[in-house]
Amino acid sequence: SSGINAEWPLRPGTLNNLRFEMVKRAVEPKADAEDIDSDFSDSDVSAASESESVDHETVQGKRLRLAKQYLEKLENEQLRTDNDAEINLDPIAHRLQQDVLAEKGKLEKRIGKRLCVLENKFTMKGHRLSPTCVAVAEDLIFSGSKDGCIIKWCGRSGKKLSLVKHNSKKHILAIAASTDGVFLASGGQDKLIIIWDVKTMTSVKVFAKHRGPITALVFRRNDHLLMSGSGDRSVMLWNCDEKMYIESLYGHQDTVVDMDSFLQERVVTVGGHDKTLRLWKIPEESQLIFNGHKNTILDCVSMLNEEHFVTGSQDNVLCVWHIKKKKPAITQLHAHAPNSWISAVAAIKNTECFVSGSNGGTVKVWACAENYRSMECIKEIPVVGTVNSIAVSLDEASFVLAVGQEHKLGRWWSDKGARNRIMVYPMEVQKEDEPDR
């Protein structure tokens, strides 16, 4: 459906008008039939093999038939949902509009009042030293640690599937997994970025262009474009399909300690002691610079959608930003326990909710109010230790914590009462008529 949504902007009108527009486009001989095969597989059209007339149909006829089937499928799916009473638009119009917004990263699902975080599903132990980073892909979980190990876990059972190491055996500080589960990238104090084949956990490429420790890694959603941040203050772009370097981005005056990306060719980064948040627009070769409140040291960042992102800082402050405002839209002082260092944040994409972690003994789930004027904590979970990384699963059914005795970038403290572990917390969005849990 992505090809159709990108090509046909939504127009106001009835279902018949929408159907007319789609059928009209379908019969126009602008492209070959293969242009829409990615949206409609042969298995979805059983009638194609049942009639000789279909076997010998024209290009325009095939486009017309598939367009009609797509519309019928969308209408049936929409009518099966439980929220039809809340939808004022035509079912098809509403679905197409949602698809367009989702593709642009501007869709916002209001789930804060219905989001339920369940009890800890399981805890995975396997790292000798503090886990520093965690990533998820499909039903797999990956974690890196100061012991130099990378562990692949089964996300359903918590079972350890494999363990690999960098040759240097130095601290692993960042990992990222592609959304299709093909590539895993890892980096750390050895200044190397290693690309792994997820199935075999064998190294397929080593990038050695950074001059400082690798402190941040992220893949663009639904793509193999990898972005990296380092102690050398640069952001670099890599093509994992071609196994090649693309370009470097400069501007930060201190270590790029964290970064995030979503659907568009953009990456948002925080520069630690340079106290800036930067949004890099890669195709335009430009950057936007955002400044936090006085003396704040930004330590982590995550994108809610393409227009809003959240940061956490060492002075226990959470901020939510809008792409068109240089100052935070929301500033939450004393977000965690007194004297806490907010060390990790992770957004539930295309919603108003996000998760934050610190060294203060808690993990909190937050929801932003409409128009992003304020935020409130909707769930508080006690966690002993420093939360060095948080990752939300792609299906938004759970979030994963990397919890250790020490902070990932140093040894400013060591909580001997904490255990080095990976924790999984399931989530679910309740229906409107369900009671709170």
Foldseek 3Di string as FASTA:
>chain_A
DLVVLVVDPFDDDAPVVVLVVQLVVLQDPPDFLVVCCVVPPPVNCPVCPVDVCSVPDDRSVVSNVVSVVVQVVQLVVQVPDPCPVVDPGHSSSVVSVQSNCVLQQNFADAQLVQKDWDPFPDWADDDPAFWFEWEDEDQWIWTFFQQQKIWIAGNPPRHTDDIDGDPVRGGWAEKEAARNRQWIWTWFQVQKIFIAGRVVRDTDAIDRDDPGTWQEWYDEHPAQWIWTWGQVQKIWIAHPVVRGTDDIDHDAPGGFNYWYHYNAPWIWTFHFQSQWIKIARVVVRDIDIAHEPPPWGWAYKEAQTPFKIWTFTQQQKIFIPGPPDRYGLEIDHNNDPHNWGWQEKYHPHSYQWIWTWTQRFWIWIKGADPVRNYIDTPDIDGAHAGFNYKYAYPVNFKMKTQGGQAHSPDPPDGDPVHDGIMIIITMDGDDPPDDDD
